[in-house]
Amino acid sequence: MPFYCYMVECADGSFYTGWTTNPQRRVQQHNRGRGAAYTRMHGPVHLVYLESQPDRSSAQRREAALKRLSHAKKQQLIQAHPLQIQEEL
């Protein structure tokens, strides 16, 4: 089973970071109001960053590391790794 860390950009320009096994489903959940409370308040969202991880534990550790980044650092990471959904999903 694949694991992913992801970032979505919210309607207000903020970022939400999480991990999942199915990025498309998770973004849909966020946009339907069934994701995190944060994205319910700041949605709609769109996927801006996706990174595969070897296992759940690695995904959770990477999520925590990404959450510690400043907004500017997250923007730099997103710009350095343009999302190509067709290749990742």
PDB file of N, CA and C in Angstrom:
ATOM      1  N   MET A   1       0.841  -1.177   0.000  1.00  0.00           N
ATOM      2  CA  MET A   1       0.000   0.000   0.000  1.00  0.00           C
ATOM      3  C   MET A   1       0.889   1.244   0.000  1.00  0.00           C
ATOM      4  N   PRO A   2       0.632   2.174  -0.904  1.00  0.00           N
ATOM      5  CA  PRO A   2       1.445   3.401  -0.931  1.00  0.00           C
ATOM      6  C   PRO A   2       0.996   4.381   0.154  1.00  0.00           C
ATOM      7  N   PHE A   3       1.925   5.168   0.606  1.00  0.00           N
ATOM      8  CA  PHE A   3       1.656   6.220   1.582  1.00  0.00           C
ATOM      9  C   PHE A   3       2.193   7.519   1.011  1.00  0.00           C
ATOM     10  N   TYR A   4       1.484   8.599   1.286  1.00  0.00           N
ATOM     11  CA  TYR A   4       1.865   9.905   0.752  1.00  0.00           C
ATOM     12  C   TYR A   4       1.752  10.978   1.817  1.00  0.00           C
ATOM     13  N   CYS A   5       2.657  11.955   1.751  1.00  0.00           N
ATOM     14  CA  CYS A   5       2.503  13.211   2.455  1.00  0.00           C
ATOM     15  C   CYS A   5       2.005  14.193   1.414  1.00  0.00           C
ATOM     16  N   TYR A   6       1.134  15.079   1.819  1.00  0.00           N
ATOM     17  CA  TYR A   6       0.588  16.028   0.857  1.00  0.00           C
ATOM     18  C   TYR A   6       0.390  17.382   1.509  1.00  0.00           C
ATOM     19  N   MET A   7       0.315  18.398   0.662  1.00  0.00           N
ATOM     20  CA  MET A   7      -0.080  19.725   1.088  1.00  0.00           C
ATOM     21  C   MET A   7      -1.172  20.193   0.147  1.00  0.00           C
ATOM     22  N   VAL A   8      -2.186  20.778   0.726  1.00  0.00           N
ATOM     23  CA  VAL A   8      -3.221  21.429  -0.062  1.00  0.00           C
ATOM     24  C   VAL A   8      -3.169  22.912   0.253  1.00  0.00           C
ATOM     25  N   GLU A   9      -3.501  23.704  -0.745  1.00  0.00           N
ATOM     26  CA  GLU A   9      -3.614  25.140  -0.530  1.00  0.00           C
ATOM     27  C   GLU A   9      -5.083  25.464  -0.339  1.00  0.00           C
ATOM     28  N   CYS A  10      -5.366  26.188   0.703  1.00  0.00           N
ATOM     29  CA  CYS A  10      -6.740  26.565   1.020  1.00  0.00           C
ATOM     30  C   CYS A  10      -7.111  27.844   0.275  1.00  0.00           C
ATOM     31  N   ALA A  11      -8.389  28.147   0.246  1.00  0.00           N
ATOM     32  CA  ALA A  11      -8.900  29.317  -0.468  1.00  0.00           C
ATOM     33  C   ALA A  11      -8.257  30.617   0.015  1.00  0.00           C
ATOM     34  N   ASP A  12      -7.850  30.664   1.281  1.00  0.00           N
ATOM     35  CA  ASP A  12      -7.247  31.882   1.828  1.00  0.00           C
ATOM     36  C   ASP A  12      -5.728  31.928   1.653  1.00  0.00           C
ATOM     37  N   GLY A  13      -5.160  30.944   0.934  1.00  0.00           N
ATOM     38  CA  GLY A  13      -3.722  30.928   0.677  1.00  0.00           C
ATOM     39  C   GLY A  13      -2.915  30.181   1.712  1.00  0.00           C
ATOM     40  N   SER A  14      -3.554  29.704   2.750  1.00  0.00           N
ATOM     41  CA  SER A  14      -2.835  28.921   3.757  1.00  0.00           C
ATOM     42  C   SER A  14      -2.650  27.489   3.257  1.00  0.00           C
ATOM     43  N   PHE A  15      -1.764  26.760   3.921  1.00  0.00           N
ATOM     44  CA  PHE A  15      -1.497  25.378   3.552  1.00  0.00           C
ATOM     45  C   PHE A  15      -1.933  24.444   4.667  1.00  0.00           C
ATOM     46  N   TYR A  16      -2.445  23.283   4.269  1.00  0.00           N
ATOM     47  CA  TYR A  16      -2.743  22.212   5.212  1.00  0.00           C
ATOM     48  C   TYR A  16      -1.898  21.024   4.794  1.00  0.00           C
ATOM     49  N   THR A  17      -1.270  20.378   5.742  1.00  0.00           N
ATOM     50  CA  THR A  17      -0.401  19.234   5.484  1.00  0.00           C
ATOM     51  C   THR A  17      -0.970  17.996   6.150  1.00  0.00           C
ATOM     52  N   GLY A  18      -0.888  16.878   5.450  1.00  0.00           N
ATOM     53  CA  GLY A  18      -1.371  15.626   6.006  1.00  0.00           C
ATOM     54  C   GLY A  18      -0.707  14.441   5.330  1.00  0.00           C
ATOM     55  N   TRP A  19      -1.171  13.253   5.684  1.00  0.00           N
ATOM     56  CA  TRP A  19      -0.690  12.034   5.026  1.00  0.00           C
ATOM     57  C   TRP A  19      -1.908  11.190   4.681  1.00  0.00           C
ATOM     58  N   THR A  20      -1.761  10.335   3.680  1.00  0.00           N
ATOM     59  CA  THR A  20      -2.873   9.527   3.208  1.00  0.00           C
ATOM     60  C   THR A  20      -2.360   8.355   2.370  1.00  0.00           C
ATOM     61  N   THR A  21      -3.246   7.433   2.088  1.00  0.00           N
ATOM     62  CA  THR A  21      -2.938   6.351   1.147  1.00  0.00           C
ATOM     63  C   THR A  21      -3.585   6.612  -0.200  1.00  0.00           C
ATOM     64  N   ASN A  22      -4.483   7.622  -0.264  1.00  0.00           N
ATOM     65  CA  ASN A  22      -5.194   7.925  -1.495  1.00  0.00           C
ATOM     66  C   ASN A  22      -5.376   9.446  -1.604  1.00  0.00           C
ATOM     67  N   PRO A  23      -4.443  10.131  -2.260  1.00  0.00           N
ATOM     68  CA  PRO A  23      -4.487  11.596  -2.316  1.00  0.00           C
ATOM     69  C   PRO A  23      -5.760  12.167  -2.953  1.00  0.00           C
ATOM     70  N   GLN A  24      -6.226  11.566  -4.039  1.00  0.00           N
ATOM     71  CA  GLN A  24      -7.436  12.084  -4.693  1.00  0.00           C
ATOM     72  C   GLN A  24      -8.642  12.013  -3.759  1.00  0.00           C
ATOM     73  N   ARG A  25      -8.811  10.876  -3.122  1.00  0.00           N
ATOM     74  CA  ARG A  25      -9.929  10.714  -2.188  1.00  0.00           C
ATOM     75  C   ARG A  25      -9.825  11.712  -1.037  1.00  0.00           C
ATOM     76  N   ARG A  26      -8.626  11.898  -0.531  1.00  0.00           N
ATOM     77  CA  ARG A  26      -8.436  12.781   0.618  1.00  0.00           C
ATOM     78  C   ARG A  26      -8.766  14.230   0.275  1.00  0.00           C
ATOM     79  N   VAL A  27      -8.350  14.691  -0.895  1.00  0.00           N
ATOM     80  CA  VAL A  27      -8.677  16.058  -1.311  1.00  0.00           C
ATOM     81  C   VAL A  27     -10.192  16.198  -1.459  1.00  0.00           C
ATOM     82  N   GLN A  28     -10.841  15.198  -2.006  1.00  0.00           N
ATOM     83  CA  GLN A  28     -12.298  15.223  -2.130  1.00  0.00           C
ATOM     84  C   GLN A  28     -12.953  15.291  -0.744  1.00  0.00           C
ATOM     85  N   GLN A  29     -12.416  14.547   0.207  1.00  0.00           N
ATOM     86  CA  GLN A  29     -12.955  14.588   1.570  1.00  0.00           C
ATOM     87  C   GLN A  29     -12.825  15.991   2.152  1.00  0.00           C
ATOM     88  N   HIS A  30     -11.659  16.600   1.966  1.00  0.00           N
ATOM     89  CA  HIS A  30     -11.465  17.965   2.467  1.00  0.00           C
ATOM     90  C   HIS A  30     -12.493  18.908   1.851  1.00  0.00           C
ATOM     91  N   ASN A  31     -12.710  18.796   0.548  1.00  0.00           N
ATOM     92  CA  ASN A  31     -13.622  19.706  -0.140  1.00  0.00           C
ATOM     93  C   ASN A  31     -15.096  19.429   0.145  1.00  0.00           C
ATOM     94  N   ARG A  32     -15.408  18.241   0.628  1.00  0.00           N
ATOM     95  CA  ARG A  32     -16.791  17.914   1.013  1.00  0.00           C
ATOM     96  C   ARG A  32     -17.062  18.220   2.484  1.00  0.00           C
ATOM     97  N   GLY A  33     -16.058  18.757   3.178  1.00  0.00           N
ATOM     98  CA  GLY A  33     -16.233  19.080   4.587  1.00  0.00           C
ATOM     99  C   GLY A  33     -16.058  17.891   5.507  1.00  0.00           C
ATOM    100  N   ARG A  34     -15.496  16.803   4.986  1.00  0.00           N
ATOM    101  CA  ARG A  34     -15.297  15.598   5.787  1.00  0.00           C
ATOM    102  C   ARG A  34     -13.830  15.356   6.119  1.00  0.00           C
ATOM    103  N   GLY A  35     -13.005  16.339   5.830  1.00  0.00           N
ATOM    104  CA  GLY A  35     -11.585  16.236   6.158  1.00  0.00           C
ATOM    105  C   GLY A  35     -11.345  16.873   7.511  1.00  0.00           C
ATOM    106  N   ALA A  36     -10.245  17.528   7.632  1.00  0.00           N
ATOM    107  CA  ALA A  36      -9.865  18.184   8.885  1.00  0.00           C
ATOM    108  C   ALA A  36     -10.729  19.415   9.150  1.00  0.00           C
ATOM    109  N   ALA A  37     -10.885  19.750  10.413  1.00  0.00           N
ATOM    110  CA  ALA A  37     -11.640  20.944  10.793  1.00  0.00           C
ATOM    111  C   ALA A  37     -11.030  22.186  10.149  1.00  0.00           C
ATOM    112  N   TYR A  38      -9.714  22.222  10.057  1.00  0.00           N
ATOM    113  CA  TYR A  38      -9.044  23.387   9.465  1.00  0.00           C
ATOM    114  C   TYR A  38      -9.504  23.605   8.029  1.00  0.00           C
ATOM    115  N   THR A  39      -9.546  22.546   7.225  1.00  0.00           N
ATOM    116  CA  THR A  39      -9.927  22.716   5.827  1.00  0.00           C
ATOM    117  C   THR A  39     -11.422  22.989   5.676  1.00  0.00           C
ATOM    118  N   ARG A  40     -12.232  22.568   6.633  1.00  0.00           N
ATOM    119  CA  ARG A  40     -13.656  22.925   6.597  1.00  0.00           C
ATOM    120  C   ARG A  40     -13.828  24.431   6.726  1.00  0.00           C
ATOM    121  N   MET A  41     -12.988  25.049   7.521  1.00  0.00           N
ATOM    122  CA  MET A  41     -13.076  26.489   7.763  1.00  0.00           C
ATOM    123  C   MET A  41     -12.368  27.314   6.690  1.00  0.00           C
ATOM    124  N   HIS A  42     -11.402  26.716   5.987  1.00  0.00           N
ATOM    125  CA  HIS A  42     -10.569  27.469   5.054  1.00  0.00           C
ATOM    126  C   HIS A  42     -10.693  27.003   3.609  1.00  0.00           C
ATOM    127  N   GLY A  43     -11.584  26.084   3.318  1.00  0.00           N
ATOM    128  CA  GLY A  43     -11.720  25.511   1.982  1.00  0.00           C
ATOM    129  C   GLY A  43     -12.436  26.450   1.027  1.00  0.00           C
ATOM    130  N   PRO A  44     -12.522  26.052  -0.223  1.00  0.00           N
ATOM    131  CA  PRO A  44     -12.079  24.770  -0.773  1.00  0.00           C
ATOM    132  C   PRO A  44     -10.555  24.713  -0.890  1.00  0.00           C
ATOM    133  N   VAL A  45     -10.070  23.505  -1.130  1.00  0.00           N
ATOM    134  CA  VAL A  45      -8.626  23.287  -1.212  1.00  0.00           C
ATOM    135  C   VAL A  45      -8.264  22.668  -2.556  1.00  0.00           C
ATOM    136  N   HIS A  46      -6.984  22.806  -2.915  1.00  0.00           N
ATOM    137  CA  HIS A  46      -6.476  22.067  -4.070  1.00  0.00           C
ATOM    138  C   HIS A  46      -5.074  21.561  -3.749  1.00  0.00           C
ATOM    139  N   LEU A  47      -4.768  20.412  -4.291  1.00  0.00           N
ATOM    140  CA  LEU A  47      -3.504  19.731  -4.033  1.00  0.00           C
ATOM    141  C   LEU A  47      -2.361  20.501  -4.678  1.00  0.00           C
ATOM    142  N   VAL A  48      -1.316  20.790  -3.896  1.00  0.00           N
ATOM    143  CA  VAL A  48      -0.169  21.527  -4.430  1.00  0.00           C
ATOM    144  C   VAL A  48       1.151  20.778  -4.243  1.00  0.00           C
ATOM    145  N   TYR A  49       1.159  19.763  -3.388  1.00  0.00           N
ATOM    146  CA  TYR A  49       2.417  19.037  -3.128  1.00  0.00           C
ATOM    147  C   TYR A  49       2.088  17.610  -2.739  1.00  0.00           C
ATOM    148  N   LEU A  50       2.871  16.687  -3.296  1.00  0.00           N
ATOM    149  CA  LEU A  50       2.668  15.267  -3.010  1.00  0.00           C
ATOM    150  C   LEU A  50       4.019  14.576  -2.992  1.00  0.00           C
ATOM    151  N   GLU A  51       4.229  13.775  -1.979  1.00  0.00           N
ATOM    152  CA  GLU A  51       5.513  13.090  -1.789  1.00  0.00           C
ATOM    153  C   GLU A  51       5.240  11.665  -1.310  1.00  0.00           C
ATOM    154  N   SER A  52       5.722  10.672  -2.034  1.00  0.00           N
ATOM    155  CA  SER A  52       5.500   9.287  -1.612  1.00  0.00           C
ATOM    156  C   SER A  52       6.453   8.921  -0.478  1.00  0.00           C
ATOM    157  N   GLN A  53       5.989   8.015   0.366  1.00  0.00           N
ATOM    158  CA  GLN A  53       6.762   7.556   1.516  1.00  0.00           C
ATOM    159  C   GLN A  53       6.700   6.033   1.555  1.00  0.00           C
ATOM    160  N   PRO A  54       7.738   5.384   2.097  1.00  0.00           N
ATOM    161  CA  PRO A  54       7.776   3.921   2.075  1.00  0.00           C
ATOM    162  C   PRO A  54       6.791   3.230   3.020  1.00  0.00           C
ATOM    163  N   ASP A  55       6.392   3.921   4.094  1.00  0.00           N
ATOM    164  CA  ASP A  55       5.483   3.290   5.056  1.00  0.00           C
ATOM    165  C   ASP A  55       4.757   4.361   5.867  1.00  0.00           C
ATOM    166  N   ARG A  56       3.797   3.926   6.665  1.00  0.00           N
ATOM    167  CA  ARG A  56       2.972   4.850   7.445  1.00  0.00           C
ATOM    168  C   ARG A  56       3.802   5.682   8.424  1.00  0.00           C
ATOM    169  N   SER A  57       4.702   5.038   9.098  1.00  0.00           N
ATOM    170  CA  SER A  57       5.530   5.730  10.077  1.00  0.00           C
ATOM    171  C   SER A  57       6.346   6.848   9.420  1.00  0.00           C
ATOM    172  N   SER A  58       6.929   6.556   8.277  1.00  0.00           N
ATOM    173  CA  SER A  58       7.706   7.569   7.544  1.00  0.00           C
ATOM    174  C   SER A  58       6.810   8.713   7.101  1.00  0.00           C
ATOM    175  N   ALA A  59       5.618   8.391   6.654  1.00  0.00           N
ATOM    176  CA  ALA A  59       4.673   9.424   6.221  1.00  0.00           C
ATOM    177  C   ALA A  59       4.293  10.335   7.387  1.00  0.00           C
ATOM    178  N   GLN A  60       4.077   9.753   8.540  1.00  0.00           N
ATOM    179  CA  GLN A  60       3.714  10.550   9.712  1.00  0.00           C
ATOM    180  C   GLN A  60       4.873  11.429  10.178  1.00  0.00           C
ATOM    181  N   ARG A  61       6.088  10.888  10.139  1.00  0.00           N
ATOM    182  CA  ARG A  61       7.252  11.696  10.512  1.00  0.00           C
ATOM    183  C   ARG A  61       7.468  12.843   9.529  1.00  0.00           C
ATOM    184  N   ARG A  62       7.312  12.559   8.244  1.00  0.00           N
ATOM    185  CA  ARG A  62       7.497  13.592   7.224  1.00  0.00           C
ATOM    186  C   ARG A  62       6.404  14.655   7.346  1.00  0.00           C
ATOM    187  N   GLU A  63       5.181  14.232   7.622  1.00  0.00           N
ATOM    188  CA  GLU A  63       4.091  15.188   7.835  1.00  0.00           C
ATOM    189  C   GLU A  63       4.451  16.155   8.962  1.00  0.00           C
ATOM    190  N   ALA A  64       4.939  15.631  10.061  1.00  0.00           N
ATOM    191  CA  ALA A  64       5.317  16.469  11.203  1.00  0.00           C
ATOM    192  C   ALA A  64       6.424  17.440  10.812  1.00  0.00           C
ATOM    193  N   ALA A  65       7.391  16.983  10.034  1.00  0.00           N
ATOM    194  CA  ALA A  65       8.483  17.853   9.602  1.00  0.00           C
ATOM    195  C   ALA A  65       7.966  18.959   8.685  1.00  0.00           C
ATOM    196  N   LEU A  66       7.073  18.611   7.773  1.00  0.00           N
ATOM    197  CA  LEU A  66       6.516  19.617   6.863  1.00  0.00           C
ATOM    198  C   LEU A  66       5.691  20.646   7.616  1.00  0.00           C
ATOM    199  N   LYS A  67       4.966  20.209   8.629  1.00  0.00           N
ATOM    200  CA  LYS A  67       4.143  21.136   9.407  1.00  0.00           C
ATOM    201  C   LYS A  67       4.987  22.155  10.163  1.00  0.00           C
ATOM    202  N   ARG A  68       6.213  21.801  10.473  1.00  0.00           N
ATOM    203  CA  ARG A  68       7.095  22.730  11.195  1.00  0.00           C
ATOM    204  C   ARG A  68       7.685  23.806  10.294  1.00  0.00           C
ATOM    205  N   LEU A  69       7.589  23.637   8.979  1.00  0.00           N
ATOM    206  CA  LEU A  69       8.139  24.625   8.057  1.00  0.00           C
ATOM    207  C   LEU A  69       7.296  25.901   8.079  1.00  0.00           C
ATOM    208  N   SER A  70       7.969  27.013   7.839  1.00  0.00           N
ATOM    209  CA  SER A  70       7.245  28.278   7.722  1.00  0.00           C
ATOM    210  C   SER A  70       6.453  28.289   6.414  1.00  0.00           C
ATOM    211  N   HIS A  71       5.536  29.217   6.310  1.00  0.00           N
ATOM    212  CA  HIS A  71       4.749  29.339   5.082  1.00  0.00           C
ATOM    213  C   HIS A  71       5.673  29.575   3.883  1.00  0.00           C
ATOM    214  N   ALA A  72       6.669  30.424   4.067  1.00  0.00           N
ATOM    215  CA  ALA A  72       7.615  30.728   2.982  1.00  0.00           C
ATOM    216  C   ALA A  72       8.401  29.482   2.563  1.00  0.00           C
ATOM    217  N   LYS A  73       8.829  28.691   3.518  1.00  0.00           N
ATOM    218  CA  LYS A  73       9.563  27.463   3.203  1.00  0.00           C
ATOM    219  C   LYS A  73       8.672  26.457   2.483  1.00  0.00           C
ATOM    220  N   LYS A  74       7.405  26.378   2.883  1.00  0.00           N
ATOM    221  CA  LYS A  74       6.469  25.499   2.181  1.00  0.00           C
ATOM    222  C   LYS A  74       6.295  25.954   0.737  1.00  0.00           C
ATOM    223  N   GLN A  75       6.180  27.266   0.519  1.00  0.00           N
ATOM    224  CA  GLN A  75       6.061  27.790  -0.841  1.00  0.00           C
ATOM    225  C   GLN A  75       7.290  27.433  -1.669  1.00  0.00           C
ATOM    226  N   GLN A  76       8.479  27.547  -1.082  1.00  0.00           N
ATOM    227  CA  GLN A  76       9.712  27.194  -1.788  1.00  0.00           C
ATOM    228  C   GLN A  76       9.717  25.717  -2.161  1.00  0.00           C
ATOM    229  N   LEU A  77       9.305  24.876  -1.252  1.00  0.00           N
ATOM    230  CA  LEU A  77       9.257  23.434  -1.508  1.00  0.00           C
ATOM    231  C   LEU A  77       8.286  23.117  -2.646  1.00  0.00           C
ATOM    232  N   ILE A  78       7.126  23.743  -2.617  1.00  0.00           N
ATOM    233  CA  ILE A  78       6.119  23.532  -3.661  1.00  0.00           C
ATOM    234  C   ILE A  78       6.650  23.997  -5.012  1.00  0.00           C
ATOM    235  N   GLN A  79       7.293  25.147  -5.054  1.00  0.00           N
ATOM    236  CA  GLN A  79       7.836  25.673  -6.307  1.00  0.00           C
ATOM    237  C   GLN A  79       8.984  24.818  -6.828  1.00  0.00           C
ATOM    238  N   ALA A  80       9.765  24.249  -5.939  1.00  0.00           N
ATOM    239  CA  ALA A  80      10.908  23.418  -6.341  1.00  0.00           C
ATOM    240  C   ALA A  80      10.473  22.052  -6.861  1.00  0.00           C
ATOM    241  N   HIS A  81       9.269  21.631  -6.501  1.00  0.00           N
ATOM    242  CA  HIS A  81       8.764  20.311  -6.895  1.00  0.00           C
ATOM    243  C   HIS A  81       7.354  20.443  -7.456  1.00  0.00           C
ATOM    244  N   PRO A  82       7.252  20.943  -8.695  1.00  0.00           N
ATOM    245  CA  PRO A  82       5.912  21.116  -9.285  1.00  0.00           C
ATOM    246  C   PRO A  82       5.149  19.793  -9.312  1.00  0.00           C
ATOM    247  N   LEU A  83       3.910  19.879  -8.963  1.00  0.00           N
ATOM    248  CA  LEU A  83       3.055  18.697  -8.899  1.00  0.00           C
ATOM    249  C   LEU A  83       2.643  18.267 -10.293  1.00  0.00           C
ATOM    250  N   GLN A  84       2.860  16.993 -10.575  1.00  0.00           N
ATOM    251  CA  GLN A  84       2.427  16.384 -11.829  1.00  0.00           C
ATOM    252  C   GLN A  84       1.571  15.199 -11.452  1.00  0.00           C
ATOM    253  N   ILE A  85       0.294  15.466 -11.250  1.00  0.00           N
ATOM    254  CA  ILE A  85      -0.631  14.477 -10.702  1.00  0.00           C
ATOM    255  C   ILE A  85      -0.660  13.184 -11.501  1.00  0.00           C
ATOM    256  N   GLN A  86      -0.612  13.266 -12.808  1.00  0.00           N
ATOM    257  CA  GLN A  86      -0.696  12.069 -13.624  1.00  0.00           C
ATOM    258  C   GLN A  86       0.433  11.095 -13.299  1.00  0.00           C
ATOM    259  N   GLU A  87       1.608  11.609 -13.015  1.00  0.00           N
ATOM    260  CA  GLU A  87       2.752  10.746 -12.713  1.00  0.00           C
ATOM    261  C   GLU A  87       2.686  10.191 -11.305  1.00  0.00           C
ATOM    262  N   GLU A  88       2.135  10.960 -10.371  1.00  0.00           N
ATOM    263  CA  GLU A  88       2.155  10.568  -8.964  1.00  0.00           C
ATOM    264  C   GLU A  88       0.997   9.644  -8.590  1.00  0.00           C
ATOM    265  N   LEU A  89      -0.173   9.812  -9.207  1.00  0.00           N
ATOM    266  CA  LEU A  89      -1.345   9.067  -8.769  1.00  0.00           C
ATOM    267  C   LEU A  89      -1.617   7.871  -9.626  1.00  0.00           C
TER     268      LEU A  89
END
